[in-house]
Amino acid sequence: MHIIVWQFEVVRESIEEFKTIYGAEGEWAKLFSLASGYLGTELLQSLGSSDRFITLDRWQSRDSFEVFKQQYAAAYAQLDTRCDGLTLREEKIGDYLKPDSLESTSL
């Protein structure tokens, strides 16, 4: 399993909208679900700072995510642009594999 982790600092007035769009049933998840290999998204909110969030996007493999990016590049860019005003900062933390997936995947 390939997991992509993002961290966000959200505009305080936009927290509810951000949660709606980035949550497990949100617009990002709906876009990702158009592709084969998408397994789900989890949205986590910081206990220490209510405007900080992390998303975990799960894919069957890195390849399935790469195929998604190619097939849906325009829709991805459009949604990303539409969400620009919701955050003060966003950072891709990285790409991760579950340890039990490492044996069958080349890094």
PDB file of N, CA and C in Angstrom:
ATOM      1  N   MET A   1       0.842  -1.178   0.000  1.00  0.00           N
ATOM      2  CA  MET A   1       0.000   0.000   0.000  1.00  0.00           C
ATOM      3  C   MET A   1       0.889   1.245   0.000  1.00  0.00           C
ATOM      4  N   HIS A   2       0.558   2.167  -0.881  1.00  0.00           N
ATOM      5  CA  HIS A   2       1.271   3.442  -1.033  1.00  0.00           C
ATOM      6  C   HIS A   2       0.434   4.526  -0.349  1.00  0.00           C
ATOM      7  N   ILE A   3       1.064   5.278   0.544  1.00  0.00           N
ATOM      8  CA  ILE A   3       0.355   6.322   1.296  1.00  0.00           C
ATOM      9  C   ILE A   3       1.061   7.658   1.083  1.00  0.00           C
ATOM     10  N   ILE A   4       0.272   8.673   0.720  1.00  0.00           N
ATOM     11  CA  ILE A   4       0.801  10.018   0.502  1.00  0.00           C
ATOM     12  C   ILE A   4       0.304  10.894   1.650  1.00  0.00           C
ATOM     13  N   VAL A   5       1.256  11.578   2.308  1.00  0.00           N
ATOM     14  CA  VAL A   5       0.938  12.367   3.492  1.00  0.00           C
ATOM     15  C   VAL A   5       1.164  13.847   3.206  1.00  0.00           C
ATOM     16  N   TRP A   6       0.129  14.649   3.467  1.00  0.00           N
ATOM     17  CA  TRP A   6       0.196  16.106   3.312  1.00  0.00           C
ATOM     18  C   TRP A   6      -0.143  16.763   4.644  1.00  0.00           C
ATOM     19  N   GLN A   7       0.496  17.889   4.911  1.00  0.00           N
ATOM     20  CA  GLN A   7       0.212  18.699   6.106  1.00  0.00           C
ATOM     21  C   GLN A   7      -0.281  20.067   5.652  1.00  0.00           C
ATOM     22  N   PHE A   8      -1.299  20.584   6.343  1.00  0.00           N
ATOM     23  CA  PHE A   8      -1.909  21.857   5.980  1.00  0.00           C
ATOM     24  C   PHE A   8      -2.061  22.763   7.193  1.00  0.00           C
ATOM     25  N   GLU A   9      -1.841  24.042   6.976  1.00  0.00           N
ATOM     26  CA  GLU A   9      -2.238  25.070   7.929  1.00  0.00           C
ATOM     27  C   GLU A   9      -3.390  25.808   7.252  1.00  0.00           C
ATOM     28  N   VAL A  10      -4.563  25.754   7.866  1.00  0.00           N
ATOM     29  CA  VAL A  10      -5.798  26.209   7.238  1.00  0.00           C
ATOM     30  C   VAL A  10      -6.186  27.588   7.753  1.00  0.00           C
ATOM     31  N   VAL A  11      -6.701  28.422   6.872  1.00  0.00           N
ATOM     32  CA  VAL A  11      -7.260  29.718   7.255  1.00  0.00           C
ATOM     33  C   VAL A  11      -8.388  29.437   8.249  1.00  0.00           C
ATOM     34  N   ARG A  12      -8.338  30.050   9.413  1.00  0.00           N
ATOM     35  CA  ARG A  12      -9.299  29.722  10.482  1.00  0.00           C
ATOM     36  C   ARG A  12     -10.753  29.827  10.039  1.00  0.00           C
ATOM     37  N   GLU A  13     -11.057  30.818   9.231  1.00  0.00           N
ATOM     38  CA  GLU A  13     -12.435  31.004   8.768  1.00  0.00           C
ATOM     39  C   GLU A  13     -12.844  29.939   7.752  1.00  0.00           C
ATOM     40  N   SER A  14     -11.910  29.170   7.280  1.00  0.00           N
ATOM     41  CA  SER A  14     -12.189  28.175   6.240  1.00  0.00           C
ATOM     42  C   SER A  14     -12.105  26.729   6.736  1.00  0.00           C
ATOM     43  N   ILE A  15     -11.970  26.548   8.037  1.00  0.00           N
ATOM     44  CA  ILE A  15     -11.766  25.198   8.578  1.00  0.00           C
ATOM     45  C   ILE A  15     -12.905  24.256   8.208  1.00  0.00           C
ATOM     46  N   GLU A  16     -14.141  24.665   8.351  1.00  0.00           N
ATOM     47  CA  GLU A  16     -15.264  23.767   8.056  1.00  0.00           C
ATOM     48  C   GLU A  16     -15.313  23.410   6.570  1.00  0.00           C
ATOM     49  N   GLU A  17     -15.090  24.392   5.709  1.00  0.00           N
ATOM     50  CA  GLU A  17     -15.062  24.121   4.275  1.00  0.00           C
ATOM     51  C   GLU A  17     -13.910  23.187   3.922  1.00  0.00           C
ATOM     52  N   PHE A  18     -12.747  23.423   4.533  1.00  0.00           N
ATOM     53  CA  PHE A  18     -11.588  22.559   4.308  1.00  0.00           C
ATOM     54  C   PHE A  18     -11.917  21.118   4.693  1.00  0.00           C
ATOM     55  N   LYS A  19     -12.511  20.917   5.854  1.00  0.00           N
ATOM     56  CA  LYS A  19     -12.852  19.565   6.302  1.00  0.00           C
ATOM     57  C   LYS A  19     -13.828  18.889   5.344  1.00  0.00           C
ATOM     58  N   THR A  20     -14.754  19.650   4.803  1.00  0.00           N
ATOM     59  CA  THR A  20     -15.718  19.098   3.857  1.00  0.00           C
ATOM     60  C   THR A  20     -15.037  18.663   2.562  1.00  0.00           C
ATOM     61  N   ILE A  21     -14.127  19.474   2.056  1.00  0.00           N
ATOM     62  CA  ILE A  21     -13.475  19.185   0.775  1.00  0.00           C
ATOM     63  C   ILE A  21     -12.390  18.113   0.903  1.00  0.00           C
ATOM     64  N   TYR A  22     -11.649  18.121   2.010  1.00  0.00           N
ATOM     65  CA  TYR A  22     -10.500  17.230   2.163  1.00  0.00           C
ATOM     66  C   TYR A  22     -10.803  15.955   2.945  1.00  0.00           C
ATOM     67  N   GLY A  23     -11.995  15.831   3.488  1.00  0.00           N
ATOM     68  CA  GLY A  23     -12.359  14.663   4.283  1.00  0.00           C
ATOM     69  C   GLY A  23     -12.560  13.408   3.450  1.00  0.00           C
ATOM     70  N   ALA A  24     -12.852  12.321   4.119  1.00  0.00           N
ATOM     71  CA  ALA A  24     -12.979  11.007   3.486  1.00  0.00           C
ATOM     72  C   ALA A  24     -14.064  10.944   2.418  1.00  0.00           C
ATOM     73  N   GLU A  25     -15.065  11.807   2.505  1.00  0.00           N
ATOM     74  CA  GLU A  25     -16.152  11.843   1.531  1.00  0.00           C
ATOM     75  C   GLU A  25     -16.115  13.121   0.693  1.00  0.00           C
ATOM     76  N   GLY A  26     -15.034  13.874   0.808  1.00  0.00           N
ATOM     77  CA  GLY A  26     -14.925  15.182   0.170  1.00  0.00           C
ATOM     78  C   GLY A  26     -14.584  15.135  -1.309  1.00  0.00           C
ATOM     79  N   GLU A  27     -14.411  16.313  -1.870  1.00  0.00           N
ATOM     80  CA  GLU A  27     -14.172  16.434  -3.307  1.00  0.00           C
ATOM     81  C   GLU A  27     -12.872  15.773  -3.756  1.00  0.00           C
ATOM     82  N   TRP A  28     -11.829  15.864  -2.925  1.00  0.00           N
ATOM     83  CA  TRP A  28     -10.579  15.199  -3.299  1.00  0.00           C
ATOM     84  C   TRP A  28     -10.792  13.692  -3.356  1.00  0.00           C
ATOM     85  N   ALA A  29     -11.448  13.135  -2.360  1.00  0.00           N
ATOM     86  CA  ALA A  29     -11.698  11.690  -2.331  1.00  0.00           C
ATOM     87  C   ALA A  29     -12.556  11.273  -3.519  1.00  0.00           C
ATOM     88  N   LYS A  30     -13.538  12.087  -3.867  1.00  0.00           N
ATOM     89  CA  LYS A  30     -14.391  11.759  -5.018  1.00  0.00           C
ATOM     90  C   LYS A  30     -13.585  11.765  -6.313  1.00  0.00           C
ATOM     91  N   LEU A  31     -12.688  12.728  -6.452  1.00  0.00           N
ATOM     92  CA  LEU A  31     -11.832  12.765  -7.640  1.00  0.00           C
ATOM     93  C   LEU A  31     -10.923  11.535  -7.672  1.00  0.00           C
ATOM     94  N   PHE A  32     -10.257  11.259  -6.547  1.00  0.00           N
ATOM     95  CA  PHE A  32      -9.362  10.101  -6.494  1.00  0.00           C
ATOM     96  C   PHE A  32     -10.111   8.805  -6.799  1.00  0.00           C
ATOM     97  N   SER A  33     -11.361   8.711  -6.344  1.00  0.00           N
ATOM     98  CA  SER A  33     -12.117   7.463  -6.503  1.00  0.00           C
ATOM     99  C   SER A  33     -12.470   7.158  -7.961  1.00  0.00           C
ATOM    100  N   LEU A  34     -12.256   8.104  -8.849  1.00  0.00           N
ATOM    101  CA  LEU A  34     -12.461   7.840 -10.278  1.00  0.00           C
ATOM    102  C   LEU A  34     -11.403   6.886 -10.817  1.00  0.00           C
ATOM    103  N   ALA A  35     -10.302   6.772 -10.107  1.00  0.00           N
ATOM    104  CA  ALA A  35      -9.163   5.973 -10.572  1.00  0.00           C
ATOM    105  C   ALA A  35      -9.133   4.603  -9.911  1.00  0.00           C
ATOM    106  N   SER A  36      -8.647   3.656 -10.665  1.00  0.00           N
ATOM    107  CA  SER A  36      -8.421   2.319 -10.132  1.00  0.00           C
ATOM    108  C   SER A  36      -7.252   2.374  -9.149  1.00  0.00           C
ATOM    109  N   GLY A  37      -7.377   1.667  -8.058  1.00  0.00           N
ATOM    110  CA  GLY A  37      -6.285   1.593  -7.098  1.00  0.00           C
ATOM    111  C   GLY A  37      -6.392   2.542  -5.933  1.00  0.00           C
ATOM    112  N   TYR A  38      -7.374   3.441  -5.932  1.00  0.00           N
ATOM    113  CA  TYR A  38      -7.553   4.357  -4.800  1.00  0.00           C
ATOM    114  C   TYR A  38      -8.239   3.604  -3.664  1.00  0.00           C
ATOM    115  N   LEU A  39      -7.684   3.707  -2.459  1.00  0.00           N
ATOM    116  CA  LEU A  39      -8.198   2.961  -1.302  1.00  0.00           C
ATOM    117  C   LEU A  39      -8.848   3.838  -0.246  1.00  0.00           C
ATOM    118  N   GLY A  40      -8.673   5.151  -0.321  1.00  0.00           N
ATOM    119  CA  GLY A  40      -9.330   6.018   0.657  1.00  0.00           C
ATOM    120  C   GLY A  40      -8.426   7.114   1.174  1.00  0.00           C
ATOM    121  N   THR A  41      -9.079   8.075   1.825  1.00  0.00           N
ATOM    122  CA  THR A  41      -8.398   9.230   2.410  1.00  0.00           C
ATOM    123  C   THR A  41      -8.810   9.360   3.866  1.00  0.00           C
ATOM    124  N   GLU A  42      -7.865   9.742   4.679  1.00  0.00           N
ATOM    125  CA  GLU A  42      -8.139  10.025   6.089  1.00  0.00           C
ATOM    126  C   GLU A  42      -7.670  11.442   6.374  1.00  0.00           C
ATOM    127  N   LEU A  43      -8.509  12.212   7.050  1.00  0.00           N
ATOM    128  CA  LEU A  43      -8.181  13.581   7.446  1.00  0.00           C
ATOM    129  C   LEU A  43      -8.022  13.614   8.951  1.00  0.00           C
ATOM    130  N   LEU A  44      -6.882  14.126   9.423  1.00  0.00           N
ATOM    131  CA  LEU A  44      -6.596  14.220  10.853  1.00  0.00           C
ATOM    132  C   LEU A  44      -6.387  15.677  11.232  1.00  0.00           C
ATOM    133  N   GLN A  45      -6.997  16.084  12.350  1.00  0.00           N
ATOM    134  CA  GLN A  45      -6.871  17.456  12.852  1.00  0.00           C
ATOM    135  C   GLN A  45      -6.011  17.439  14.104  1.00  0.00           C
ATOM    136  N   SER A  46      -5.100  18.385  14.207  1.00  0.00           N
ATOM    137  CA  SER A  46      -4.186  18.476  15.337  1.00  0.00           C
ATOM    138  C   SER A  46      -4.935  18.748  16.637  1.00  0.00           C
ATOM    139  N   LEU A  47      -4.528  18.096  17.695  1.00  0.00           N
ATOM    140  CA  LEU A  47      -5.086  18.379  19.019  1.00  0.00           C
ATOM    141  C   LEU A  47      -4.544  19.693  19.570  1.00  0.00           C
ATOM    142  N   GLY A  48      -3.335  20.037  19.198  1.00  0.00           N
ATOM    143  CA  GLY A  48      -2.685  21.224  19.730  1.00  0.00           C
ATOM    144  C   GLY A  48      -3.016  22.510  18.999  1.00  0.00           C
ATOM    145  N   SER A  49      -3.469  22.404  17.749  1.00  0.00           N
ATOM    146  CA  SER A  49      -3.738  23.583  16.950  1.00  0.00           C
ATOM    147  C   SER A  49      -4.853  23.241  15.948  1.00  0.00           C
ATOM    148  N   SER A  50      -6.032  23.779  16.174  1.00  0.00           N
ATOM    149  CA  SER A  50      -7.210  23.370  15.394  1.00  0.00           C
ATOM    150  C   SER A  50      -7.130  23.732  13.912  1.00  0.00           C
ATOM    151  N   ASP A  51      -6.150  24.554  13.536  1.00  0.00           N
ATOM    152  CA  ASP A  51      -6.023  24.930  12.127  1.00  0.00           C
ATOM    153  C   ASP A  51      -4.991  24.085  11.370  1.00  0.00           C
ATOM    154  N   ARG A  52      -4.485  23.040  11.998  1.00  0.00           N
ATOM    155  CA  ARG A  52      -3.489  22.171  11.364  1.00  0.00           C
ATOM    156  C   ARG A  52      -4.087  20.788  11.119  1.00  0.00           C
ATOM    157  N   PHE A  53      -3.836  20.312   9.904  1.00  0.00           N
ATOM    158  CA  PHE A  53      -4.401  19.038   9.479  1.00  0.00           C
ATOM    159  C   PHE A  53      -3.353  18.218   8.747  1.00  0.00           C
ATOM    160  N   ILE A  54      -3.595  16.909   8.706  1.00  0.00           N
ATOM    161  CA  ILE A  54      -2.809  15.986   7.900  1.00  0.00           C
ATOM    162  C   ILE A  54      -3.801  15.131   7.111  1.00  0.00           C
ATOM    163  N   THR A  55      -3.471  14.885   5.843  1.00  0.00           N
ATOM    164  CA  THR A  55      -4.245  13.922   5.066  1.00  0.00           C
ATOM    165  C   THR A  55      -3.373  12.716   4.756  1.00  0.00           C
ATOM    166  N   LEU A  56      -4.010  11.559   4.739  1.00  0.00           N
ATOM    167  CA  LEU A  56      -3.381  10.308   4.357  1.00  0.00           C
ATOM    168  C   LEU A  56      -4.183   9.755   3.187  1.00  0.00           C
ATOM    169  N   ASP A  57      -3.599   9.769   2.008  1.00  0.00           N
ATOM    170  CA  ASP A  57      -4.249   9.244   0.813  1.00  0.00           C
ATOM    171  C   ASP A  57      -3.654   7.874   0.531  1.00  0.00           C
ATOM    172  N   ARG A  58      -4.513   6.861   0.507  1.00  0.00           N
ATOM    173  CA  ARG A  58      -4.054   5.482   0.349  1.00  0.00           C
ATOM    174  C   ARG A  58      -4.343   4.973  -1.062  1.00  0.00           C
ATOM    175  N   TRP A  59      -3.312   4.352  -1.636  1.00  0.00           N
ATOM    176  CA  TRP A  59      -3.393   3.779  -2.986  1.00  0.00           C
ATOM    177  C   TRP A  59      -2.842   2.359  -2.932  1.00  0.00           C
ATOM    178  N   GLN A  60      -3.313   1.509  -3.836  1.00  0.00           N
ATOM    179  CA  GLN A  60      -2.803   0.137  -3.897  1.00  0.00           C
ATOM    180  C   GLN A  60      -1.304   0.118  -4.168  1.00  0.00           C
ATOM    181  N   SER A  61      -0.852   1.047  -5.008  1.00  0.00           N
ATOM    182  CA  SER A  61       0.561   1.092  -5.363  1.00  0.00           C
ATOM    183  C   SER A  61       0.920   2.508  -5.812  1.00  0.00           C
ATOM    184  N   ARG A  62       2.203   2.755  -5.872  1.00  0.00           N
ATOM    185  CA  ARG A  62       2.668   4.042  -6.390  1.00  0.00           C
ATOM    186  C   ARG A  62       2.256   4.196  -7.858  1.00  0.00           C
ATOM    187  N   ASP A  63       2.325   3.095  -8.593  1.00  0.00           N
ATOM    188  CA  ASP A  63       1.933   3.125  -9.999  1.00  0.00           C
ATOM    189  C   ASP A  63       0.475   3.542 -10.172  1.00  0.00           C
ATOM    190  N   SER A  64      -0.409   3.055  -9.307  1.00  0.00           N
ATOM    191  CA  SER A  64      -1.822   3.424  -9.450  1.00  0.00           C
ATOM    192  C   SER A  64      -2.012   4.927  -9.239  1.00  0.00           C
ATOM    193  N   PHE A  65      -1.247   5.520  -8.334  1.00  0.00           N
ATOM    194  CA  PHE A  65      -1.322   6.972  -8.150  1.00  0.00           C
ATOM    195  C   PHE A  65      -0.760   7.709  -9.361  1.00  0.00           C
ATOM    196  N   GLU A  66       0.340   7.222  -9.908  1.00  0.00           N
ATOM    197  CA  GLU A  66       0.949   7.858 -11.083  1.00  0.00           C
ATOM    198  C   GLU A  66       0.001   7.812 -12.285  1.00  0.00           C
ATOM    199  N   VAL A  67      -0.685   6.704 -12.472  1.00  0.00           N
ATOM    200  CA  VAL A  67      -1.662   6.593 -13.556  1.00  0.00           C
ATOM    201  C   VAL A  67      -2.792   7.594 -13.324  1.00  0.00           C
ATOM    202  N   PHE A  68      -3.267   7.687 -12.079  1.00  0.00           N
ATOM    203  CA  PHE A  68      -4.304   8.677 -11.754  1.00  0.00           C
ATOM    204  C   PHE A  68      -3.843  10.079 -12.140  1.00  0.00           C
ATOM    205  N   LYS A  69      -2.625  10.456 -11.753  1.00  0.00           N
ATOM    206  CA  LYS A  69      -2.123  11.800 -12.050  1.00  0.00           C
ATOM    207  C   LYS A  69      -2.096  12.074 -13.549  1.00  0.00           C
ATOM    208  N   GLN A  70      -1.762  11.086 -14.332  1.00  0.00           N
ATOM    209  CA  GLN A  70      -1.745  11.270 -15.787  1.00  0.00           C
ATOM    210  C   GLN A  70      -3.160  11.400 -16.351  1.00  0.00           C
ATOM    211  N   GLN A  71      -4.049  10.537 -15.909  1.00  0.00           N
ATOM    212  CA  GLN A  71      -5.407  10.519 -16.452  1.00  0.00           C
ATOM    213  C   GLN A  71      -6.245  11.726 -16.031  1.00  0.00           C
ATOM    214  N   TYR A  72      -6.003  12.220 -14.838  1.00  0.00           N
ATOM    215  CA  TYR A  72      -6.861  13.269 -14.278  1.00  0.00           C
ATOM    216  C   TYR A  72      -6.095  14.543 -13.940  1.00  0.00           C
ATOM    217  N   ALA A  73      -5.035  14.811 -14.674  1.00  0.00           N
ATOM    218  CA  ALA A  73      -4.175  15.971 -14.399  1.00  0.00           C
ATOM    219  C   ALA A  73      -4.955  17.281 -14.432  1.00  0.00           C
ATOM    220  N   ALA A  74      -5.816  17.467 -15.399  1.00  0.00           N
ATOM    221  CA  ALA A  74      -6.567  18.728 -15.532  1.00  0.00           C
ATOM    222  C   ALA A  74      -7.547  18.904 -14.370  1.00  0.00           C
ATOM    223  N   ALA A  75      -8.271  17.853 -14.022  1.00  0.00           N
ATOM    224  CA  ALA A  75      -9.225  17.932 -12.917  1.00  0.00           C
ATOM    225  C   ALA A  75      -8.503  18.169 -11.586  1.00  0.00           C
ATOM    226  N   TYR A  76      -7.346  17.523 -11.414  1.00  0.00           N
ATOM    227  CA  TYR A  76      -6.529  17.706 -10.207  1.00  0.00           C
ATOM    228  C   TYR A  76      -6.097  19.171 -10.087  1.00  0.00           C
ATOM    229  N   ALA A  77      -5.568  19.709 -11.166  1.00  0.00           N
ATOM    230  CA  ALA A  77      -5.094  21.102 -11.156  1.00  0.00           C
ATOM    231  C   ALA A  77      -6.239  22.074 -10.895  1.00  0.00           C
ATOM    232  N   GLN A  78      -7.385  21.812 -11.481  1.00  0.00           N
ATOM    233  CA  GLN A  78      -8.540  22.690 -11.287  1.00  0.00           C
ATOM    234  C   GLN A  78      -8.998  22.691  -9.828  1.00  0.00           C
ATOM    235  N   LEU A  79      -9.109  21.514  -9.217  1.00  0.00           N
ATOM    236  CA  LEU A  79      -9.528  21.444  -7.816  1.00  0.00           C
ATOM    237  C   LEU A  79      -8.465  22.045  -6.909  1.00  0.00           C
ATOM    238  N   ASP A  80      -7.211  21.796  -7.204  1.00  0.00           N
ATOM    239  CA  ASP A  80      -6.116  22.360  -6.409  1.00  0.00           C
ATOM    240  C   ASP A  80      -6.155  23.885  -6.432  1.00  0.00           C
ATOM    241  N   THR A  81      -6.374  24.461  -7.602  1.00  0.00           N
ATOM    242  CA  THR A  81      -6.464  25.916  -7.728  1.00  0.00           C
ATOM    243  C   THR A  81      -7.665  26.460  -6.957  1.00  0.00           C
ATOM    244  N   ARG A  82      -8.794  25.759  -7.050  1.00  0.00           N
ATOM    245  CA  ARG A  82     -10.000  26.183  -6.336  1.00  0.00           C
ATOM    246  C   ARG A  82      -9.816  26.172  -4.822  1.00  0.00           C
ATOM    247  N   CYS A  83      -8.943  25.307  -4.320  1.00  0.00           N
ATOM    248  CA  CYS A  83      -8.726  25.172  -2.869  1.00  0.00           C
ATOM    249  C   CYS A  83      -7.611  26.075  -2.345  1.00  0.00           C
ATOM    250  N   ASP A  84      -6.927  26.792  -3.226  1.00  0.00           N
ATOM    251  CA  ASP A  84      -5.787  27.626  -2.822  1.00  0.00           C
ATOM    252  C   ASP A  84      -6.098  28.559  -1.658  1.00  0.00           C
ATOM    253  N   GLY A  85      -7.239  29.192  -1.645  1.00  0.00           N
ATOM    254  CA  GLY A  85      -7.565  30.168  -0.623  1.00  0.00           C
ATOM    255  C   GLY A  85      -7.907  29.591   0.732  1.00  0.00           C
ATOM    256  N   LEU A  86      -8.011  28.278   0.838  1.00  0.00           N
ATOM    257  CA  LEU A  86      -8.374  27.650   2.106  1.00  0.00           C
ATOM    258  C   LEU A  86      -7.195  27.499   3.061  1.00  0.00           C
ATOM    259  N   THR A  87      -5.987  27.511   2.513  1.00  0.00           N
ATOM    260  CA  THR A  87      -4.811  27.227   3.340  1.00  0.00           C
ATOM    261  C   THR A  87      -3.805  28.370   3.328  1.00  0.00           C
ATOM    262  N   LEU A  88      -3.092  28.475   4.430  1.00  0.00           N
ATOM    263  CA  LEU A  88      -1.974  29.408   4.526  1.00  0.00           C
ATOM    264  C   LEU A  88      -0.691  28.727   4.069  1.00  0.00           C
ATOM    265  N   ARG A  89      -0.664  27.409   4.295  1.00  0.00           N
ATOM    266  CA  ARG A  89       0.534  26.637   3.965  1.00  0.00           C
ATOM    267  C   ARG A  89       0.130  25.183   3.763  1.00  0.00           C
ATOM    268  N   GLU A  90       0.745  24.558   2.780  1.00  0.00           N
ATOM    269  CA  GLU A  90       0.593  23.120   2.610  1.00  0.00           C
ATOM    270  C   GLU A  90       1.939  22.540   2.223  1.00  0.00           C
ATOM    271  N   GLU A  91       2.184  21.345   2.725  1.00  0.00           N
ATOM    272  CA  GLU A  91       3.482  20.710   2.496  1.00  0.00           C
ATOM    273  C   GLU A  91       3.278  19.209   2.328  1.00  0.00           C
ATOM    274  N   LYS A  92       3.857  18.685   1.279  1.00  0.00           N
ATOM    275  CA  LYS A  92       3.848  17.235   1.126  1.00  0.00           C
ATOM    276  C   LYS A  92       4.907  16.678   2.060  1.00  0.00           C
ATOM    277  N   ILE A  93       4.469  15.902   3.032  1.00  0.00           N
ATOM    278  CA  ILE A  93       5.390  15.292   3.999  1.00  0.00           C
ATOM    279  C   ILE A  93       6.172  14.171   3.320  1.00  0.00           C
ATOM    280  N   GLY A  94       5.462  13.391   2.488  1.00  0.00           N
ATOM    281  CA  GLY A  94       6.173  12.343   1.770  1.00  0.00           C
ATOM    282  C   GLY A  94       5.280  11.221   1.311  1.00  0.00           C
ATOM    283  N   ASP A  95       5.912  10.262   0.659  1.00  0.00           N
ATOM    284  CA  ASP A  95       5.279   9.039   0.188  1.00  0.00           C
ATOM    285  C   ASP A  95       5.773   7.902   1.070  1.00  0.00           C
ATOM    286  N   TYR A  96       4.856   7.056   1.500  1.00  0.00           N
ATOM    287  CA  TYR A  96       5.197   5.985   2.429  1.00  0.00           C
ATOM    288  C   TYR A  96       4.593   4.668   1.967  1.00  0.00           C
ATOM    289  N   LEU A  97       5.215   3.595   2.397  1.00  0.00           N
ATOM    290  CA  LEU A  97       4.696   2.252   2.170  1.00  0.00           C
ATOM    291  C   LEU A  97       4.487   1.586   3.512  1.00  0.00           C
ATOM    292  N   LYS A  98       3.424   0.809   3.614  1.00  0.00           N
ATOM    293  CA  LYS A  98       3.263  -0.014   4.806  1.00  0.00           C
ATOM    294  C   LYS A  98       4.380  -1.045   4.797  1.00  0.00           C
ATOM    295  N   PRO A  99       4.981  -1.346   5.942  1.00  0.00           N
ATOM    296  CA  PRO A  99       6.115  -2.290   5.977  1.00  0.00           C
ATOM    297  C   PRO A  99       5.825  -3.628   5.309  1.00  0.00           C
ATOM    298  N   ASP A 100       4.593  -4.127   5.405  1.00  0.00           N
ATOM    299  CA  ASP A 100       4.295  -5.417   4.775  1.00  0.00           C
ATOM    300  C   ASP A 100       4.221  -5.302   3.252  1.00  0.00           C
ATOM    301  N   SER A 101       4.247  -4.074   2.725  1.00  0.00           N
ATOM    302  CA  SER A 101       4.250  -3.850   1.275  1.00  0.00           C
ATOM    303  C   SER A 101       5.646  -3.712   0.701  1.00  0.00           C
ATOM    304  N   LEU A 102       6.640  -3.545   1.551  1.00  0.00           N
ATOM    305  CA  LEU A 102       7.989  -3.278   1.096  1.00  0.00           C
ATOM    306  C   LEU A 102       8.602  -4.437   0.318  1.00  0.00           C
ATOM    307  N   GLU A 103       8.278  -5.654   0.697  1.00  0.00           N
ATOM    308  CA  GLU A 103       8.899  -6.821   0.054  1.00  0.00           C
ATOM    309  C   GLU A 103       8.540  -6.912  -1.424  1.00  0.00           C
ATOM    310  N   SER A 104       7.330  -6.495  -1.789  1.00  0.00           N
ATOM    311  CA  SER A 104       6.888  -6.652  -3.166  1.00  0.00           C
ATOM    312  C   SER A 104       7.048  -5.391  -4.008  1.00  0.00           C
ATOM    313  N   THR A 105       7.649  -4.350  -3.429  1.00  0.00           N
ATOM    314  CA  THR A 105       7.764  -3.075  -4.131  1.00  0.00           C
ATOM    315  C   THR A 105       9.215  -2.617  -4.127  1.00  0.00           C
ATOM    316  N   SER A 106       9.682  -2.176  -5.255  1.00  0.00           N
ATOM    317  CA  SER A 106      11.017  -1.612  -5.297  1.00  0.00           C
ATOM    318  C   SER A 106      10.955  -0.137  -4.962  1.00  0.00           C
ATOM    319  N   LEU A 107      11.852   0.344  -4.151  1.00  0.00           N
ATOM    320  CA  LEU A 107      11.883   1.746  -3.775  1.00  0.00           C
ATOM    321  C   LEU A 107      12.677   2.482  -4.803  1.00  0.00           C
TER     322      LEU A 107
END
